[in-house]
Amino acid sequence: MRKFIMLLFVFVGASLLAACSLGSSQPDPCNDGGSALFHDDFGGEQECGWAVYNQGGAVAAIEEGAFRISSSQPGQIWWSNPGRNFDDVVIIAQARQLGGPDDNAYGVICRYQNEENFYLFLISGDGFYAIGKYQSGTEQVTYLTQDGRFQPSDVINQGMATNQIRASCIGSELTLAVNGLPLVTVTDPTFVTGDVGMGVSTLQPGTAVVEFDDFLAIAP
């Protein structure tokens, strides 16, 4: 059963991915002052601060109107952040697996404080999901979902397919919904504010490739 392997999910390389924070005096081109706290469809001329890189078998880049992350290092997750700060926030993003093993993990991040402290909302190409927490002092993700592991769901479109991921971080409640249907709510009070982001990993040999589009952060 492959999801036991996920408990060995080690995060590396984040120190290379520092996003560019906006100064307080600068207008934010990715916040229109409306209901959206942050929005990027990756198709315009605005620069929203996402970290891009080609390092250690992983690539993060804006390509063909989407943000694409690939990783060929099993058990390592690579991510990018736009350099914002929110407390209560709902994140909605379209994620499409383009290649690599279905034994993977990809999704969004909230309350990212630094490379050792944040929450993750993950799904996989073989139909599993989890909410995880990475915290300083640990080398592995702590999964907050049932039994401390990934759970299966037929709501997730498997393989080379698109899924809408919705992550709600409201107070101490963390909720994951996929394709418009809620999957799980957990409670954890550790982090109350931070950045948002996207991440990708593979757990088998091969290169996992996932692209994200229409990344939206809104107030609850």
N, C-alpha and C. Protein backbone atom coordinates (compact mmCIF):
# COMPACT_ATOMS: atom_id res chain seq x y z
N MET A 1 0.85 -1.19 0.00
CA MET A 1 0.00 0.00 0.00
C MET A 1 0.88 1.24 0.00
N ARG A 2 0.72 2.07 -0.96
CA ARG A 2 1.69 3.11 -1.20
C ARG A 2 1.63 4.27 -0.21
N LYS A 3 0.53 4.50 0.44
CA LYS A 3 0.44 5.71 1.24
C LYS A 3 1.18 5.63 2.57
N PHE A 4 1.67 4.45 2.94
CA PHE A 4 2.56 4.40 4.09
C PHE A 4 3.87 5.12 3.76
N ILE A 5 4.28 5.08 2.49
CA ILE A 5 5.51 5.74 2.08
C ILE A 5 5.43 7.24 2.34
N MET A 6 4.23 7.80 2.25
CA MET A 6 4.09 9.23 2.41
C MET A 6 4.56 9.71 3.78
N LEU A 7 4.58 8.85 4.75
CA LEU A 7 5.00 9.27 6.08
C LEU A 7 6.50 9.56 6.14
N LEU A 8 7.20 9.23 5.09
CA LEU A 8 8.63 9.53 5.01
C LEU A 8 8.89 10.73 4.11
N PHE A 9 7.86 11.50 3.88
CA PHE A 9 7.90 12.63 2.96
C PHE A 9 8.78 13.74 3.52
N VAL A 10 9.98 13.92 3.00
CA VAL A 10 10.93 14.89 3.53
C VAL A 10 10.97 16.12 2.64
N PHE A 11 10.99 17.29 3.25
CA PHE A 11 11.01 18.54 2.51
C PHE A 11 12.43 19.06 2.41
N VAL A 12 12.84 19.40 1.19
CA VAL A 12 14.18 19.92 1.00
C VAL A 12 14.14 21.08 0.02
N GLY A 13 15.23 21.84 0.02
CA GLY A 13 15.42 22.83 -1.03
C GLY A 13 14.63 24.11 -0.87
N ALA A 14 13.84 24.25 0.19
CA ALA A 14 12.99 25.42 0.29
C ALA A 14 13.79 26.70 0.44
N SER A 15 14.99 26.61 1.01
CA SER A 15 15.78 27.82 1.21
C SER A 15 16.18 28.44 -0.12
N LEU A 16 16.06 27.69 -1.21
CA LEU A 16 16.39 28.21 -2.52
C LEU A 16 15.23 28.96 -3.14
N LEU A 17 14.05 28.90 -2.51
CA LEU A 17 12.84 29.34 -3.17
C LEU A 17 12.25 30.60 -2.55
N ALA A 18 13.06 31.48 -2.06
CA ALA A 18 12.53 32.67 -1.40
C ALA A 18 11.74 33.51 -2.39
N ALA A 19 10.47 33.78 -2.08
CA ALA A 19 9.64 34.60 -2.94
C ALA A 19 9.93 36.07 -2.67
N CYS A 20 9.51 36.91 -3.60
CA CYS A 20 9.77 38.34 -3.49
C CYS A 20 8.59 39.02 -2.82
N SER A 21 8.76 39.51 -1.60
CA SER A 21 7.70 40.21 -0.90
C SER A 21 7.60 41.64 -1.41
N LEU A 22 6.34 42.14 -1.46
CA LEU A 22 6.12 43.51 -1.86
C LEU A 22 6.31 44.44 -0.67
N GLY A 23 6.94 45.56 -0.88
CA GLY A 23 7.03 46.57 0.17
C GLY A 23 5.66 47.19 0.42
N SER A 24 5.47 47.74 1.62
CA SER A 24 4.16 48.26 1.99
C SER A 24 3.75 49.46 1.15
N SER A 25 4.71 50.16 0.55
CA SER A 25 4.39 51.34 -0.24
C SER A 25 4.08 51.02 -1.69
N GLN A 26 4.25 49.77 -2.10
CA GLN A 26 4.05 49.40 -3.49
C GLN A 26 2.64 48.87 -3.71
N PRO A 27 1.98 49.25 -4.80
CA PRO A 27 0.68 48.64 -5.11
C PRO A 27 0.87 47.18 -5.49
N ASP A 28 -0.10 46.38 -5.14
CA ASP A 28 -0.03 44.95 -5.43
C ASP A 28 -0.76 44.68 -6.74
N PRO A 29 -0.06 44.32 -7.81
CA PRO A 29 -0.71 44.11 -9.11
C PRO A 29 -1.62 42.90 -9.13
N CYS A 30 -1.54 42.05 -8.10
CA CYS A 30 -2.35 40.83 -8.08
C CYS A 30 -3.45 40.90 -7.03
N ASN A 31 -3.75 42.10 -6.55
CA ASN A 31 -4.88 42.35 -5.66
C ASN A 31 -5.62 43.55 -6.22
N ASP A 32 -6.83 43.31 -6.75
CA ASP A 32 -7.56 44.38 -7.42
C ASP A 32 -8.37 45.24 -6.46
N GLY A 33 -8.24 44.96 -5.16
CA GLY A 33 -8.99 45.73 -4.18
C GLY A 33 -10.42 45.27 -4.02
N GLY A 34 -10.80 44.23 -4.75
CA GLY A 34 -12.16 43.70 -4.65
C GLY A 34 -12.23 42.54 -3.67
N SER A 35 -13.04 41.55 -4.00
CA SER A 35 -13.24 40.42 -3.09
C SER A 35 -12.03 39.51 -3.02
N ALA A 36 -11.20 39.54 -4.07
CA ALA A 36 -10.02 38.68 -4.09
C ALA A 36 -8.87 39.33 -3.33
N LEU A 37 -8.31 38.60 -2.38
CA LEU A 37 -7.10 39.07 -1.70
C LEU A 37 -5.89 38.95 -2.61
N PHE A 38 -5.93 37.95 -3.48
CA PHE A 38 -4.81 37.68 -4.38
C PHE A 38 -5.33 36.81 -5.51
N HIS A 39 -4.90 37.12 -6.75
CA HIS A 39 -5.32 36.32 -7.90
C HIS A 39 -4.24 36.35 -8.96
N ASP A 40 -3.96 35.18 -9.52
CA ASP A 40 -3.01 35.09 -10.61
C ASP A 40 -3.48 34.01 -11.58
N ASP A 41 -3.72 34.42 -12.83
CA ASP A 41 -4.07 33.43 -13.86
C ASP A 41 -2.87 33.10 -14.73
N PHE A 42 -1.70 33.69 -14.41
CA PHE A 42 -0.43 33.40 -15.06
C PHE A 42 -0.43 33.69 -16.56
N GLY A 43 -1.40 34.47 -16.99
CA GLY A 43 -1.50 34.77 -18.41
C GLY A 43 -1.26 36.22 -18.74
N GLY A 44 -1.14 37.07 -17.71
CA GLY A 44 -0.97 38.49 -17.96
C GLY A 44 0.47 38.94 -17.84
N GLU A 45 0.64 40.25 -17.84
CA GLU A 45 1.98 40.82 -17.77
C GLU A 45 2.40 41.11 -16.33
N GLN A 46 1.47 41.03 -15.39
CA GLN A 46 1.82 41.36 -14.02
C GLN A 46 2.75 40.31 -13.41
N GLU A 47 3.64 40.78 -12.53
CA GLU A 47 4.53 39.89 -11.80
C GLU A 47 4.01 39.76 -10.38
N CYS A 48 3.60 38.56 -10.01
CA CYS A 48 2.98 38.36 -8.70
C CYS A 48 3.95 37.84 -7.64
N GLY A 49 5.23 37.71 -7.98
CA GLY A 49 6.22 37.39 -6.97
C GLY A 49 6.56 35.93 -6.79
N TRP A 50 5.98 35.02 -7.58
CA TRP A 50 6.26 33.60 -7.43
C TRP A 50 7.74 33.32 -7.66
N ALA A 51 8.32 32.48 -6.83
CA ALA A 51 9.71 32.06 -7.02
C ALA A 51 9.79 31.05 -8.17
N VAL A 52 10.69 31.28 -9.10
CA VAL A 52 10.94 30.33 -10.19
C VAL A 52 12.39 29.85 -10.07
N TYR A 53 12.63 28.61 -10.48
CA TYR A 53 13.96 28.03 -10.28
C TYR A 53 14.12 26.76 -11.11
N ASN A 54 15.35 26.34 -11.25
CA ASN A 54 15.73 25.07 -11.87
C ASN A 54 16.88 24.54 -11.04
N GLN A 55 16.59 23.63 -10.13
CA GLN A 55 17.57 23.26 -9.11
C GLN A 55 17.30 21.85 -8.60
N GLY A 56 18.31 21.03 -8.46
CA GLY A 56 18.21 19.75 -7.77
C GLY A 56 17.18 18.80 -8.32
N GLY A 57 16.98 18.80 -9.64
CA GLY A 57 16.00 17.91 -10.22
C GLY A 57 14.58 18.44 -10.18
N ALA A 58 14.42 19.70 -9.82
CA ALA A 58 13.09 20.32 -9.77
C ALA A 58 13.10 21.62 -10.56
N VAL A 59 11.95 21.90 -11.18
CA VAL A 59 11.80 23.12 -11.97
C VAL A 59 10.48 23.76 -11.61
N ALA A 60 10.48 25.08 -11.41
CA ALA A 60 9.25 25.85 -11.22
C ALA A 60 9.30 27.03 -12.18
N ALA A 61 8.28 27.15 -13.04
CA ALA A 61 8.32 28.19 -14.06
C ALA A 61 6.91 28.48 -14.55
N ILE A 62 6.72 29.70 -15.02
CA ILE A 62 5.47 30.05 -15.68
C ILE A 62 5.61 29.70 -17.15
N GLU A 63 4.76 28.78 -17.62
CA GLU A 63 4.84 28.31 -18.99
C GLU A 63 3.44 28.16 -19.57
N GLU A 64 3.23 28.71 -20.75
CA GLU A 64 1.98 28.53 -21.49
C GLU A 64 0.76 28.91 -20.66
N GLY A 65 0.88 30.02 -19.94
CA GLY A 65 -0.25 30.54 -19.20
C GLY A 65 -0.61 29.78 -17.94
N ALA A 66 0.36 29.06 -17.37
CA ALA A 66 0.13 28.33 -16.12
C ALA A 66 1.45 28.28 -15.35
N PHE A 67 1.37 27.95 -14.06
CA PHE A 67 2.57 27.79 -13.26
C PHE A 67 2.85 26.30 -13.14
N ARG A 68 4.01 25.88 -13.63
CA ARG A 68 4.35 24.46 -13.72
C ARG A 68 5.47 24.13 -12.75
N ILE A 69 5.27 23.06 -11.96
CA ILE A 69 6.30 22.56 -11.05
C ILE A 69 6.55 21.10 -11.38
N SER A 70 7.82 20.73 -11.51
CA SER A 70 8.18 19.33 -11.74
C SER A 70 9.25 18.92 -10.74
N SER A 71 9.21 17.64 -10.37
CA SER A 71 10.21 17.10 -9.45
C SER A 71 10.53 15.66 -9.83
N SER A 72 11.81 15.33 -9.83
CA SER A 72 12.25 13.97 -10.14
C SER A 72 12.90 13.31 -8.93
N GLN A 73 12.76 13.92 -7.74
CA GLN A 73 13.38 13.40 -6.54
C GLN A 73 12.33 12.75 -5.64
N PRO A 74 12.22 11.41 -5.62
CA PRO A 74 11.18 10.77 -4.82
C PRO A 74 11.27 11.15 -3.35
N GLY A 75 10.12 11.46 -2.77
CA GLY A 75 10.05 11.77 -1.35
C GLY A 75 10.37 13.21 -1.00
N GLN A 76 10.63 14.05 -2.00
CA GLN A 76 10.92 15.45 -1.74
C GLN A 76 9.85 16.31 -2.39
N ILE A 77 9.38 17.32 -1.67
CA ILE A 77 8.41 18.23 -2.25
C ILE A 77 9.08 19.56 -2.55
N TRP A 78 8.72 20.12 -3.69
CA TRP A 78 9.23 21.43 -4.10
C TRP A 78 8.04 22.36 -4.26
N TRP A 79 8.22 23.61 -3.84
CA TRP A 79 7.09 24.52 -3.83
C TRP A 79 7.50 25.93 -4.21
N SER A 80 6.51 26.80 -4.35
CA SER A 80 6.75 28.21 -4.60
C SER A 80 5.70 29.02 -3.87
N ASN A 81 6.09 30.23 -3.46
CA ASN A 81 5.20 31.16 -2.76
C ASN A 81 5.28 32.53 -3.44
N PRO A 82 4.21 33.33 -3.34
CA PRO A 82 4.23 34.66 -3.95
C PRO A 82 4.66 35.78 -3.01
N GLY A 83 4.91 35.47 -1.74
CA GLY A 83 5.37 36.50 -0.81
C GLY A 83 4.27 37.38 -0.27
N ARG A 84 3.16 36.77 0.17
CA ARG A 84 2.05 37.51 0.77
C ARG A 84 1.88 37.07 2.22
N ASN A 85 0.94 37.69 2.91
CA ASN A 85 0.68 37.31 4.30
C ASN A 85 -0.82 37.45 4.57
N PHE A 86 -1.45 36.33 4.96
CA PHE A 86 -2.87 36.30 5.26
C PHE A 86 -3.09 35.55 6.57
N ASP A 87 -4.18 35.86 7.25
CA ASP A 87 -4.57 35.03 8.39
C ASP A 87 -5.66 34.07 7.94
N ASP A 88 -6.94 34.46 8.03
CA ASP A 88 -8.00 33.59 7.52
C ASP A 88 -8.10 33.76 6.01
N VAL A 89 -8.04 32.64 5.29
CA VAL A 89 -8.02 32.71 3.83
C VAL A 89 -8.58 31.43 3.24
N VAL A 90 -9.20 31.55 2.07
CA VAL A 90 -9.64 30.41 1.28
C VAL A 90 -8.87 30.44 -0.03
N ILE A 91 -8.21 29.34 -0.35
CA ILE A 91 -7.39 29.22 -1.57
C ILE A 91 -8.10 28.31 -2.55
N ILE A 92 -8.22 28.75 -3.79
CA ILE A 92 -8.82 27.94 -4.85
C ILE A 92 -7.86 27.92 -6.03
N ALA A 93 -7.56 26.74 -6.54
CA ALA A 93 -6.65 26.63 -7.67
C ALA A 93 -7.02 25.43 -8.53
N GLN A 94 -6.79 25.55 -9.82
CA GLN A 94 -6.91 24.43 -10.74
C GLN A 94 -5.55 23.76 -10.85
N ALA A 95 -5.51 22.44 -10.68
CA ALA A 95 -4.25 21.70 -10.77
C ALA A 95 -4.41 20.57 -11.77
N ARG A 96 -3.47 20.45 -12.68
CA ARG A 96 -3.53 19.41 -13.70
C ARG A 96 -2.23 18.63 -13.74
N GLN A 97 -2.33 17.32 -13.57
CA GLN A 97 -1.15 16.45 -13.70
C GLN A 97 -0.84 16.27 -15.18
N LEU A 98 0.40 16.59 -15.56
CA LEU A 98 0.80 16.48 -16.96
C LEU A 98 1.67 15.27 -17.25
N GLY A 99 2.35 14.74 -16.21
CA GLY A 99 3.24 13.61 -16.46
C GLY A 99 3.77 13.03 -15.17
N GLY A 100 4.41 11.86 -15.31
CA GLY A 100 5.03 11.22 -14.16
C GLY A 100 4.15 10.19 -13.50
N PRO A 101 4.65 9.55 -12.44
CA PRO A 101 3.90 8.52 -11.75
C PRO A 101 2.64 9.08 -11.09
N ASP A 102 1.59 8.28 -11.03
CA ASP A 102 0.39 8.68 -10.29
C ASP A 102 0.63 8.62 -8.79
N ASP A 103 1.65 7.92 -8.38
CA ASP A 103 2.04 7.87 -6.96
C ASP A 103 2.81 9.15 -6.65
N ASN A 104 2.04 10.23 -6.47
CA ASN A 104 2.63 11.54 -6.30
C ASN A 104 1.86 12.30 -5.22
N ALA A 105 2.14 13.57 -5.08
CA ALA A 105 1.38 14.44 -4.18
C ALA A 105 1.51 15.86 -4.69
N TYR A 106 0.39 16.56 -4.78
CA TYR A 106 0.44 17.95 -5.23
C TYR A 106 -0.74 18.72 -4.63
N GLY A 107 -0.54 20.02 -4.48
CA GLY A 107 -1.61 20.81 -3.90
C GLY A 107 -1.16 22.20 -3.51
N VAL A 108 -1.84 22.76 -2.50
CA VAL A 108 -1.62 24.15 -2.12
C VAL A 108 -1.18 24.25 -0.66
N ILE A 109 -0.67 25.42 -0.33
CA ILE A 109 -0.08 25.70 0.98
C ILE A 109 -0.76 26.93 1.57
N CYS A 110 -0.99 26.92 2.89
CA CYS A 110 -1.43 28.14 3.56
C CYS A 110 -0.63 28.34 4.84
N ARG A 111 -0.65 29.58 5.34
CA ARG A 111 0.02 29.98 6.58
C ARG A 111 1.49 29.58 6.59
N TYR A 112 2.11 29.79 5.44
CA TYR A 112 3.54 29.53 5.28
C TYR A 112 4.30 30.64 5.98
N GLN A 113 5.01 30.29 7.06
CA GLN A 113 5.80 31.27 7.80
C GLN A 113 7.26 31.28 7.36
N ASN A 114 7.77 30.10 7.09
CA ASN A 114 9.12 29.94 6.55
C ASN A 114 9.21 28.50 6.05
N GLU A 115 10.39 28.10 5.59
CA GLU A 115 10.53 26.79 4.97
C GLU A 115 10.31 25.62 5.92
N GLU A 116 10.16 25.88 7.21
CA GLU A 116 9.97 24.80 8.17
C GLU A 116 8.61 24.86 8.87
N ASN A 117 7.74 25.78 8.49
CA ASN A 117 6.48 25.94 9.22
C ASN A 117 5.35 26.35 8.28
N PHE A 118 4.45 25.38 7.99
CA PHE A 118 3.30 25.68 7.14
C PHE A 118 2.35 24.48 7.08
N TYR A 119 1.16 24.73 6.51
CA TYR A 119 0.17 23.67 6.27
C TYR A 119 0.13 23.34 4.78
N LEU A 120 -0.17 22.06 4.48
CA LEU A 120 -0.30 21.59 3.11
C LEU A 120 -1.64 20.90 2.91
N PHE A 121 -2.20 21.08 1.73
CA PHE A 121 -3.44 20.43 1.33
C PHE A 121 -3.13 19.67 0.04
N LEU A 122 -3.05 18.34 0.13
CA LEU A 122 -2.49 17.54 -0.95
C LEU A 122 -3.49 16.53 -1.49
N ILE A 123 -3.39 16.29 -2.80
CA ILE A 123 -4.07 15.17 -3.43
C ILE A 123 -3.02 14.41 -4.25
N SER A 124 -3.41 13.26 -4.79
CA SER A 124 -2.46 12.47 -5.58
C SER A 124 -3.12 11.95 -6.84
N GLY A 125 -2.28 11.59 -7.79
CA GLY A 125 -2.77 11.08 -9.06
C GLY A 125 -3.44 9.74 -8.98
N ASP A 126 -3.30 9.03 -7.86
CA ASP A 126 -4.01 7.76 -7.70
C ASP A 126 -5.18 7.88 -6.72
N GLY A 127 -5.64 9.11 -6.47
CA GLY A 127 -6.92 9.30 -5.80
C GLY A 127 -6.88 9.35 -4.29
N PHE A 128 -5.83 9.90 -3.69
CA PHE A 128 -5.74 10.05 -2.24
C PHE A 128 -5.64 11.53 -1.89
N TYR A 129 -5.91 11.84 -0.62
CA TYR A 129 -5.83 13.23 -0.15
C TYR A 129 -5.33 13.26 1.29
N ALA A 130 -4.81 14.44 1.70
CA ALA A 130 -4.38 14.62 3.08
C ALA A 130 -4.22 16.10 3.37
N ILE A 131 -4.35 16.45 4.63
CA ILE A 131 -3.92 17.75 5.13
C ILE A 131 -2.72 17.49 6.02
N GLY A 132 -1.64 18.21 5.78
CA GLY A 132 -0.42 17.98 6.53
C GLY A 132 0.12 19.25 7.15
N LYS A 133 1.00 19.07 8.12
CA LYS A 133 1.67 20.19 8.78
C LYS A 133 3.16 19.90 8.82
N TYR A 134 3.95 20.87 8.37
CA TYR A 134 5.39 20.78 8.51
C TYR A 134 5.80 21.82 9.53
N GLN A 135 6.52 21.39 10.57
CA GLN A 135 6.85 22.26 11.68
C GLN A 135 8.31 22.12 12.04
N SER A 136 8.94 23.23 12.42
CA SER A 136 10.35 23.20 12.77
C SER A 136 10.60 22.21 13.90
N GLY A 137 11.73 21.53 13.82
CA GLY A 137 12.05 20.50 14.79
C GLY A 137 11.71 19.11 14.33
N THR A 138 11.03 19.00 13.18
CA THR A 138 10.69 17.69 12.62
C THR A 138 11.27 17.59 11.21
N GLU A 139 11.52 16.37 10.77
CA GLU A 139 12.05 16.15 9.42
C GLU A 139 10.99 15.60 8.48
N GLN A 140 9.80 15.35 9.01
CA GLN A 140 8.74 14.75 8.21
C GLN A 140 7.45 15.52 8.41
N VAL A 141 6.54 15.34 7.47
CA VAL A 141 5.22 15.93 7.57
C VAL A 141 4.40 15.18 8.61
N THR A 142 3.66 15.92 9.41
CA THR A 142 2.65 15.32 10.29
C THR A 142 1.31 15.43 9.58
N TYR A 143 0.69 14.29 9.33
CA TYR A 143 -0.60 14.30 8.64
C TYR A 143 -1.72 14.40 9.66
N LEU A 144 -2.60 15.36 9.44
CA LEU A 144 -3.69 15.63 10.37
C LEU A 144 -4.96 14.88 10.01
N THR A 145 -4.96 14.21 8.89
CA THR A 145 -6.11 13.41 8.48
C THR A 145 -6.15 12.09 9.23
N GLN A 146 -7.23 11.36 9.09
CA GLN A 146 -7.49 10.15 9.86
C GLN A 146 -6.31 9.18 9.82
N ASP A 147 -5.95 8.66 10.99
CA ASP A 147 -4.87 7.69 11.16
C ASP A 147 -3.50 8.26 10.78
N GLY A 148 -3.41 9.57 10.64
CA GLY A 148 -2.14 10.18 10.30
C GLY A 148 -1.61 9.79 8.94
N ARG A 149 -2.52 9.64 7.97
CA ARG A 149 -2.09 9.19 6.65
C ARG A 149 -3.05 9.70 5.58
N PHE A 150 -2.69 9.50 4.32
CA PHE A 150 -3.56 9.84 3.20
C PHE A 150 -4.80 8.94 3.22
N GLN A 151 -5.91 9.50 2.73
CA GLN A 151 -7.16 8.77 2.64
C GLN A 151 -7.63 8.74 1.18
N PRO A 152 -8.31 7.65 0.77
CA PRO A 152 -8.78 7.57 -0.62
C PRO A 152 -10.09 8.31 -0.83
N SER A 153 -10.30 8.78 -2.06
CA SER A 153 -11.57 9.41 -2.41
C SER A 153 -11.81 9.30 -3.91
N ASP A 154 -13.04 8.93 -4.29
CA ASP A 154 -13.37 8.86 -5.71
C ASP A 154 -13.77 10.23 -6.26
N VAL A 155 -13.73 11.26 -5.43
CA VAL A 155 -13.98 12.62 -5.88
C VAL A 155 -12.81 13.14 -6.72
N ILE A 156 -11.61 12.61 -6.46
CA ILE A 156 -10.40 13.08 -7.13
C ILE A 156 -10.28 12.45 -8.52
N ASN A 157 -10.11 13.28 -9.52
CA ASN A 157 -9.86 12.78 -10.88
C ASN A 157 -8.42 12.27 -10.95
N GLN A 158 -8.28 11.01 -11.36
CA GLN A 158 -6.97 10.36 -11.29
C GLN A 158 -6.20 10.50 -12.60
N GLY A 159 -4.87 10.33 -12.48
CA GLY A 159 -4.02 10.33 -13.65
C GLY A 159 -3.86 11.71 -14.26
N MET A 160 -3.73 11.72 -15.58
CA MET A 160 -3.54 12.99 -16.31
C MET A 160 -4.88 13.71 -16.38
N ALA A 161 -5.19 14.45 -15.35
CA ALA A 161 -6.51 15.06 -15.24
C ALA A 161 -6.40 16.35 -14.45
N THR A 162 -7.48 17.14 -14.50
CA THR A 162 -7.54 18.40 -13.78
C THR A 162 -8.41 18.25 -12.54
N ASN A 163 -7.99 18.83 -11.44
CA ASN A 163 -8.78 18.88 -10.21
C ASN A 163 -8.78 20.31 -9.68
N GLN A 164 -9.95 20.73 -9.20
CA GLN A 164 -10.00 22.00 -8.49
C GLN A 164 -9.75 21.72 -7.01
N ILE A 165 -8.76 22.40 -6.45
CA ILE A 165 -8.42 22.24 -5.04
C ILE A 165 -8.87 23.49 -4.30
N ARG A 166 -9.61 23.31 -3.21
CA ARG A 166 -10.05 24.42 -2.38
C ARG A 166 -9.61 24.15 -0.94
N ALA A 167 -8.79 25.03 -0.41
CA ALA A 167 -8.27 24.89 0.95
C ALA A 167 -8.73 26.08 1.77
N SER A 168 -9.38 25.81 2.89
CA SER A 168 -9.86 26.87 3.78
C SER A 168 -9.07 26.83 5.08
N CYS A 169 -8.47 27.97 5.42
CA CYS A 169 -7.73 28.11 6.67
C CYS A 169 -8.42 29.21 7.46
N ILE A 170 -9.32 28.83 8.36
CA ILE A 170 -10.16 29.77 9.08
C ILE A 170 -10.05 29.47 10.57
N GLY A 171 -9.44 30.38 11.31
CA GLY A 171 -9.17 30.09 12.71
C GLY A 171 -8.31 28.85 12.82
N SER A 172 -8.71 27.92 13.65
CA SER A 172 -7.95 26.68 13.79
C SER A 172 -8.52 25.56 12.92
N GLU A 173 -9.53 25.87 12.09
CA GLU A 173 -10.14 24.85 11.23
C GLU A 173 -9.52 24.87 9.84
N LEU A 174 -9.11 23.71 9.37
CA LEU A 174 -8.51 23.53 8.05
C LEU A 174 -9.39 22.57 7.26
N THR A 175 -9.88 23.01 6.10
CA THR A 175 -10.81 22.21 5.32
C THR A 175 -10.30 22.05 3.90
N LEU A 176 -10.36 20.82 3.39
CA LEU A 176 -9.99 20.52 2.01
C LEU A 176 -11.22 20.08 1.24
N ALA A 177 -11.46 20.72 0.09
CA ALA A 177 -12.51 20.31 -0.84
C ALA A 177 -11.88 20.12 -2.21
N VAL A 178 -12.38 19.14 -2.97
CA VAL A 178 -11.86 18.87 -4.31
C VAL A 178 -13.03 18.77 -5.26
N ASN A 179 -12.92 19.48 -6.36
CA ASN A 179 -13.96 19.49 -7.39
C ASN A 179 -15.33 19.83 -6.82
N GLY A 180 -15.33 20.79 -5.88
CA GLY A 180 -16.57 21.31 -5.33
C GLY A 180 -17.17 20.51 -4.20
N LEU A 181 -16.51 19.43 -3.79
CA LEU A 181 -17.06 18.57 -2.74
C LEU A 181 -16.10 18.53 -1.54
N PRO A 182 -16.60 18.80 -0.33
CA PRO A 182 -15.73 18.78 0.86
C PRO A 182 -15.28 17.36 1.17
N LEU A 183 -14.00 17.22 1.52
CA LEU A 183 -13.44 15.91 1.85
C LEU A 183 -13.13 15.76 3.33
N VAL A 184 -12.58 16.80 3.96
CA VAL A 184 -12.18 16.65 5.35
C VAL A 184 -12.00 18.02 5.99
N THR A 185 -12.30 18.11 7.28
CA THR A 185 -11.98 19.26 8.11
C THR A 185 -11.23 18.77 9.33
N VAL A 186 -10.11 19.40 9.63
CA VAL A 186 -9.33 19.08 10.82
C VAL A 186 -9.11 20.36 11.61
N THR A 187 -8.68 20.20 12.85
CA THR A 187 -8.42 21.35 13.72
C THR A 187 -6.97 21.34 14.17
N ASP A 188 -6.31 22.48 14.00
CA ASP A 188 -4.93 22.62 14.47
C ASP A 188 -4.66 24.10 14.72
N PRO A 189 -4.18 24.47 15.91
CA PRO A 189 -3.99 25.88 16.23
C PRO A 189 -2.57 26.40 16.04
N THR A 190 -1.68 25.60 15.43
CA THR A 190 -0.26 25.93 15.44
C THR A 190 0.05 27.24 14.70
N PHE A 191 -0.44 27.38 13.48
CA PHE A 191 -0.11 28.56 12.67
C PHE A 191 -1.38 29.39 12.45
N VAL A 192 -1.25 30.70 12.59
CA VAL A 192 -2.43 31.56 12.46
C VAL A 192 -2.31 32.55 11.30
N THR A 193 -1.14 32.67 10.72
CA THR A 193 -0.96 33.61 9.62
C THR A 193 0.21 33.15 8.76
N GLY A 194 0.29 33.65 7.54
CA GLY A 194 1.41 33.31 6.67
C GLY A 194 1.08 33.41 5.20
N ASP A 195 2.01 32.98 4.38
CA ASP A 195 1.91 33.05 2.92
C ASP A 195 1.08 31.88 2.39
N VAL A 196 0.78 31.93 1.11
CA VAL A 196 0.13 30.84 0.40
C VAL A 196 1.14 30.25 -0.58
N GLY A 197 0.79 29.14 -1.24
CA GLY A 197 1.72 28.56 -2.19
C GLY A 197 1.19 27.31 -2.86
N MET A 198 2.06 26.68 -3.67
CA MET A 198 1.74 25.47 -4.40
C MET A 198 2.94 24.53 -4.34
N GLY A 199 2.71 23.21 -4.32
CA GLY A 199 3.82 22.27 -4.23
C GLY A 199 3.55 20.97 -4.96
N VAL A 200 4.63 20.27 -5.31
CA VAL A 200 4.56 19.02 -6.08
C VAL A 200 5.63 18.06 -5.59
N SER A 201 5.31 16.76 -5.56
CA SER A 201 6.28 15.72 -5.25
C SER A 201 5.95 14.45 -6.02
N THR A 202 6.96 13.61 -6.18
CA THR A 202 6.75 12.24 -6.65
C THR A 202 7.23 11.28 -5.58
N LEU A 203 6.62 10.11 -5.51
CA LEU A 203 7.06 9.10 -4.56
C LEU A 203 7.61 7.86 -5.23
N GLN A 204 7.68 7.89 -6.54
CA GLN A 204 8.25 6.80 -7.32
C GLN A 204 9.23 7.38 -8.33
N PRO A 205 10.16 6.55 -8.86
CA PRO A 205 11.06 7.06 -9.90
C PRO A 205 10.27 7.63 -11.07
N GLY A 206 10.76 8.72 -11.59
CA GLY A 206 10.07 9.43 -12.67
C GLY A 206 9.91 10.89 -12.29
N THR A 207 9.48 11.68 -13.22
CA THR A 207 9.33 13.11 -12.99
C THR A 207 7.86 13.49 -12.93
N ALA A 208 7.43 13.91 -11.76
CA ALA A 208 6.06 14.40 -11.60
C ALA A 208 5.98 15.82 -12.15
N VAL A 209 4.99 16.06 -13.00
CA VAL A 209 4.80 17.39 -13.59
C VAL A 209 3.35 17.80 -13.37
N VAL A 210 3.16 18.93 -12.70
CA VAL A 210 1.81 19.43 -12.43
C VAL A 210 1.80 20.92 -12.74
N GLU A 211 0.73 21.38 -13.41
CA GLU A 211 0.59 22.80 -13.64
C GLU A 211 -0.61 23.34 -12.88
N PHE A 212 -0.48 24.57 -12.41
CA PHE A 212 -1.52 25.23 -11.64
C PHE A 212 -2.00 26.46 -12.41
N ASP A 213 -3.30 26.73 -12.29
CA ASP A 213 -3.85 27.89 -12.98
C ASP A 213 -4.94 28.50 -12.11
N ASP A 214 -5.28 29.76 -12.42
CA ASP A 214 -6.35 30.48 -11.73
C ASP A 214 -6.20 30.37 -10.22
N PHE A 215 -5.04 30.71 -9.70
CA PHE A 215 -4.78 30.68 -8.27
C PHE A 215 -5.47 31.88 -7.64
N LEU A 216 -6.35 31.61 -6.67
CA LEU A 216 -7.17 32.64 -6.06
C LEU A 216 -7.15 32.51 -4.55
N ALA A 217 -6.93 33.61 -3.86
CA ALA A 217 -7.04 33.65 -2.41
C ALA A 217 -8.11 34.68 -2.06
N ILE A 218 -9.13 34.26 -1.30
CA ILE A 218 -10.22 35.15 -0.96
C ILE A 218 -10.44 35.12 0.55
N ALA A 219 -11.09 36.15 1.04
CA ALA A 219 -11.47 36.17 2.45
C ALA A 219 -12.65 35.24 2.65
N PRO A 220 -12.71 34.55 3.80
CA PRO A 220 -13.83 33.62 4.03
C PRO A 220 -15.15 34.36 4.19
